[in-house]
C-alpha cells in the first residue's frame, strides 16, 4: 500500500502547496480548506454520510471539518497544527507532566506524572493532594469542570511558565513547590514489575500511557525483564492510554500472546467503499521476548481508547482477556494523516479496526468484567490500589469481588497531555 502521508498526485493542482516534499508557496487557510475537502470526499470513512456543503462558505480547514463531520459517530477526526502533531507522536511534551483527578472525597490529587517531568524531579508522585495552584482551589475548578479557569490557573503550555503548587503528601506536612514548565520526552511505560501471587505464579504488571515513538524501546526493556522472570499471567494497565500508532499496539499484543500466534491475524483495517485496495491485515509479529500469556487482565477507564482498545479486541479471540475498571471510550476507528505544507496535519477517520473474527463495532466501549474505581489515592504498584487489587484477586481465585462489596466512583480528571493522539494512527 502506498504511503498515505503524501497527498495523491491526481489532485496536484490543489495540493502542490500542501505536499510535504513540494512546498512551493505558503499555505493559505483557503488552500488548506480545499485540500481537506478532496481528502474527505475520497478517504473519509463516512464519505457517503457527510453533509452536502459549499466549501467556499468556510474560512479554513477547521471550520470545514466541523461542517463535514458525521456527528452520530465521529468524535475524532481533526485538523492539527503541523508542529504540535509531530511533537505529540514523538512523545515531546511541554508542561509540568501531570494528570489531576478528584478522589472520592473530592480532593484534587496527582493521578499520573511522567518521570522526566519537573515535578517528578521535585519528588511529587501519584496520590499527592493538590490544595492550590497559584492560590486557585484546583479541586473546586475540577469539580465545576471549568476548563477556562483551569487554563487560567496553570497558564499556557509554554516553556518558562512558572506555577506554585501547595501539596499535601500522604502522611507528611504540606509543602509548597515552585515548578517551571519545560519541554521533555515522556516515558510511556509508567511502571513495570512482577507480582507473586498466592498461587505461586509470577504475574507481569505493566502500566502504559500511550503508543508513540518512545514506546518501542520502553516495551523492549520491560518485556526483557518479564521474559527473564518467567511470568505466566499478565496485568496490563491501560487506564490512561488514549492510543497512538497501531504498529506499536501490534507489537505489545505480540509480546503478550507469544510466538505461537506469529503470523495469525491481530487486526484488520477496513476502508470505505472507494478504497478497498487499501484494506490491510496486521498479523501478530515475532518479538525478542515473547511471553505466551494464558490469562490477561486489563485495567481500563473511560480514557482507554483507540489503539489500546485494539489491543484488547485483537487479543480476545486468542487468549482469555478480562478487564477491571471502567468502560473504555469506544473508538474502533483509525486514521491516515496528511501534512499540508508545514502548517497543518489532517487526520480524518479513514478506516475501522476489526479483529480476526471481524468484530469491531464497539462504539459504546468495552464494559469491564468488574467495575472498579480508579484509586488515585495510591500508586500504580500499591497492591491495595483498588483496580490492581481486583486484578490480583481474579488471577488468584478466578473470581471478582461480590456485588455490594465496593462502590464505584468515576474520577473527573484534567490533563496537560494534548488530545492529538487520542486515536489509532498508521505510519504507512
Foldseek 3Di string as FASTA:
>chain_A
DDFPQAQDCVPCVLQQCFGQPRNDDHDAQLSQLVSVVVCLCQFFQVNVQFDDDDSVVDRGNQRNCVNGDPPVFDPAWDKDFQVVLVCQQQQKFWFQAFKWWQFPVLFIWTLDGFCPGQVVVVVHDFQKTWCAKQNHRVSVCLVVVPPVVVCVRRDDRDFFRKIWTWIDGPPDHIDIDIGTIDMDGGDQFRDWDWDQAPVRAIEIETEGQEQHDVLVVVVLVRLVVVLVVQHAAYEYEHANYLYHELVSLLQVLLQEQFDVQAPPFQKWWQFHPSPRVPIDTRGRHDDPRHRNHQEYEYEYEQNRAASNVSSVQRCVVPHHYAYEAAFYVADQFFFEWYGGHNTIITTHTRTGMHYPVRDTRRNVGDGGPYHAEQQSNDHPPPCVGTRNVQVSVCVRPVDGDDPPPDDYDYIRMDDSNDCNRSHYYYRD
